[in-house]
Amino acid sequence: MGDCQTLGDCNDERIVRIYEYLDGALSREDLGEIKTHLDNCTDCSGEYDLECVIRSVVKRSCKEAAPETLKAAILARLHGDSVAV
């Protein structure tokens, strides 16, 4: 893993720490450690960038509204009505 070998071997645990970093779930001290690591490790910064893109796409798609016809069909099925879709 390129730069990771000189920086302490990046493993699944470090990747979890990157997710925690993105979630804002780290202490101030840990934030600094992960930030420094991301600044110096191309492998982990690539993983970070990928996760940022994924989160952005998911966030954007969650804002899209379902079509009214789909909503009506779901509600009709929940109420036992038959509706052609």
C-alpha atoms as a PDB file:
ATOM      1  CA  MET A   1       0.000   0.000   0.000  1.00  0.00           C
ATOM      2  CA  GLY A   2       2.511   2.614  -1.067  1.00  0.00           C
ATOM      3  CA  ASP A   3       2.813   5.375   1.510  1.00  0.00           C
ATOM      4  CA  CYS A   4       0.999   3.369   4.177  1.00  0.00           C
ATOM      5  CA  GLN A   5       3.942   1.049   4.715  1.00  0.00           C
ATOM      6  CA  THR A   6       6.062   3.928   5.996  1.00  0.00           C
ATOM      7  CA  LEU A   7       3.202   5.461   7.961  1.00  0.00           C
ATOM      8  CA  GLY A   8       2.186   2.474  10.071  1.00  0.00           C
ATOM      9  CA  ASP A   9       0.387   0.050   7.755  1.00  0.00           C
ATOM     10  CA  CYS A  10      -3.146   0.986   6.818  1.00  0.00           C
ATOM     11  CA  ASN A  11      -5.607  -1.746   7.642  1.00  0.00           C
ATOM     12  CA  ASP A  12      -9.335  -2.100   8.150  1.00  0.00           C
ATOM     13  CA  GLU A  13      -9.073  -0.399  11.536  1.00  0.00           C
ATOM     14  CA  ARG A  14      -7.532   2.705   9.986  1.00  0.00           C
ATOM     15  CA  ILE A  15     -10.247   2.727   7.314  1.00  0.00           C
ATOM     16  CA  VAL A  16     -12.874   2.609  10.075  1.00  0.00           C
ATOM     17  CA  ARG A  17     -11.107   5.604  11.637  1.00  0.00           C
ATOM     18  CA  ILE A  18     -11.442   7.453   8.319  1.00  0.00           C
ATOM     19  CA  TYR A  19     -15.201   6.795   8.394  1.00  0.00           C
ATOM     20  CA  GLU A  20     -15.318   8.071  11.978  1.00  0.00           C
ATOM     21  CA  TYR A  21     -13.377  11.131  10.823  1.00  0.00           C
ATOM     22  CA  LEU A  22     -15.982  11.782   8.135  1.00  0.00           C
ATOM     23  CA  ASP A  23     -18.781  11.289  10.672  1.00  0.00           C
ATOM     24  CA  GLY A  24     -17.195  13.746  13.138  1.00  0.00           C
ATOM     25  CA  ALA A  25     -16.984  10.974  15.737  1.00  0.00           C
ATOM     26  CA  LEU A  26     -13.346  11.422  16.811  1.00  0.00           C
ATOM     27  CA  SER A  27     -11.728  13.333  19.627  1.00  0.00           C
ATOM     28  CA  ARG A  28      -9.754  16.459  18.780  1.00  0.00           C
ATOM     29  CA  GLU A  29      -6.510  14.531  19.221  1.00  0.00           C
ATOM     30  CA  ASP A  30      -7.659  11.706  16.958  1.00  0.00           C
ATOM     31  CA  LEU A  31      -8.877  14.214  14.358  1.00  0.00           C
ATOM     32  CA  GLY A  32      -5.378  15.650  14.117  1.00  0.00           C
ATOM     33  CA  GLU A  33      -3.821  12.214  13.800  1.00  0.00           C
ATOM     34  CA  ILE A  34      -6.139  11.111  10.991  1.00  0.00           C
ATOM     35  CA  LYS A  35      -5.878  14.475   9.194  1.00  0.00           C
ATOM     36  CA  THR A  36      -2.076  14.239   9.253  1.00  0.00           C
ATOM     37  CA  HIS A  37      -2.243  10.672   7.998  1.00  0.00           C
ATOM     38  CA  LEU A  38      -4.607  11.626   5.146  1.00  0.00           C
ATOM     39  CA  ASP A  39      -2.287  14.489   4.174  1.00  0.00           C
ATOM     40  CA  ASN A  40       0.625  12.058   3.848  1.00  0.00           C
ATOM     41  CA  CYS A  41      -0.922   8.822   2.612  1.00  0.00           C
ATOM     42  CA  THR A  42      -2.114   8.640  -0.980  1.00  0.00           C
ATOM     43  CA  ASP A  43      -3.834   5.284  -0.427  1.00  0.00           C
ATOM     44  CA  CYS A  44      -5.942   6.480   2.496  1.00  0.00           C
ATOM     45  CA  SER A  45      -6.634   9.892   0.981  1.00  0.00           C
ATOM     46  CA  GLY A  46      -7.958   8.053  -2.091  1.00  0.00           C
ATOM     47  CA  GLU A  47     -10.224   5.971   0.158  1.00  0.00           C
ATOM     48  CA  TYR A  48     -11.340   9.191   1.878  1.00  0.00           C
ATOM     49  CA  ASP A  49     -12.086  10.887  -1.469  1.00  0.00           C
ATOM     50  CA  LEU A  50     -14.080   7.867  -2.669  1.00  0.00           C
ATOM     51  CA  GLU A  51     -16.142   7.814   0.520  1.00  0.00           C
ATOM     52  CA  CYS A  52     -16.827  11.558   0.138  1.00  0.00           C
ATOM     53  CA  VAL A  53     -18.140  10.978  -3.401  1.00  0.00           C
ATOM     54  CA  ILE A  54     -20.315   8.058  -2.266  1.00  0.00           C
ATOM     55  CA  ARG A  55     -21.767  10.070   0.604  1.00  0.00           C
ATOM     56  CA  SER A  56     -22.453  13.008  -1.707  1.00  0.00           C
ATOM     57  CA  VAL A  57     -24.318  10.823  -4.218  1.00  0.00           C
ATOM     58  CA  VAL A  58     -26.360   9.140  -1.477  1.00  0.00           C
ATOM     59  CA  LYS A  59     -27.208  12.495   0.105  1.00  0.00           C
ATOM     60  CA  ARG A  60     -28.265  13.940  -3.248  1.00  0.00           C
ATOM     61  CA  SER A  61     -30.450  10.921  -4.086  1.00  0.00           C
ATOM     62  CA  CYS A  62     -32.151  11.080  -0.709  1.00  0.00           C
ATOM     63  CA  LYS A  63     -33.418  14.559  -1.602  1.00  0.00           C
ATOM     64  CA  GLU A  64     -35.197  13.343  -4.731  1.00  0.00           C
ATOM     65  CA  ALA A  65     -38.916  12.842  -4.322  1.00  0.00           C
ATOM     66  CA  ALA A  66     -40.660   9.702  -5.491  1.00  0.00           C
ATOM     67  CA  PRO A  67     -43.107  10.209  -8.363  1.00  0.00           C
ATOM     68  CA  GLU A  68     -46.701  10.724  -7.256  1.00  0.00           C
ATOM     69  CA  THR A  69     -47.800   7.651  -9.228  1.00  0.00           C
ATOM     70  CA  LEU A  70     -45.407   5.474  -7.232  1.00  0.00           C
ATOM     71  CA  LYS A  71     -46.622   6.942  -3.954  1.00  0.00           C
ATOM     72  CA  ALA A  72     -50.238   6.305  -4.963  1.00  0.00           C
ATOM     73  CA  ALA A  73     -49.478   2.710  -5.988  1.00  0.00           C
ATOM     74  CA  ILE A  74     -47.724   1.972  -2.688  1.00  0.00           C
ATOM     75  CA  LEU A  75     -50.517   3.485  -0.629  1.00  0.00           C
ATOM     76  CA  ALA A  76     -53.117   1.576  -2.638  1.00  0.00           C
ATOM     77  CA  ARG A  77     -51.313  -1.710  -2.017  1.00  0.00           C
ATOM     78  CA  LEU A  78     -51.011  -0.960   1.672  1.00  0.00           C
ATOM     79  CA  HIS A  79     -54.764  -0.420   1.790  1.00  0.00           C
ATOM     80  CA  GLY A  80     -55.443  -3.607  -0.206  1.00  0.00           C
ATOM     81  CA  ASP A  81     -56.572  -1.881  -3.390  1.00  0.00           C
ATOM     82  CA  SER A  82     -55.392  -3.170  -6.751  1.00  0.00           C
ATOM     83  CA  VAL A  83     -53.782  -0.517  -8.889  1.00  0.00           C
ATOM     84  CA  ALA A  84     -52.224  -0.870 -12.336  1.00  0.00           C
ATOM     85  CA  VAL A  85     -48.751   0.631 -12.424  1.00  0.00           C
END
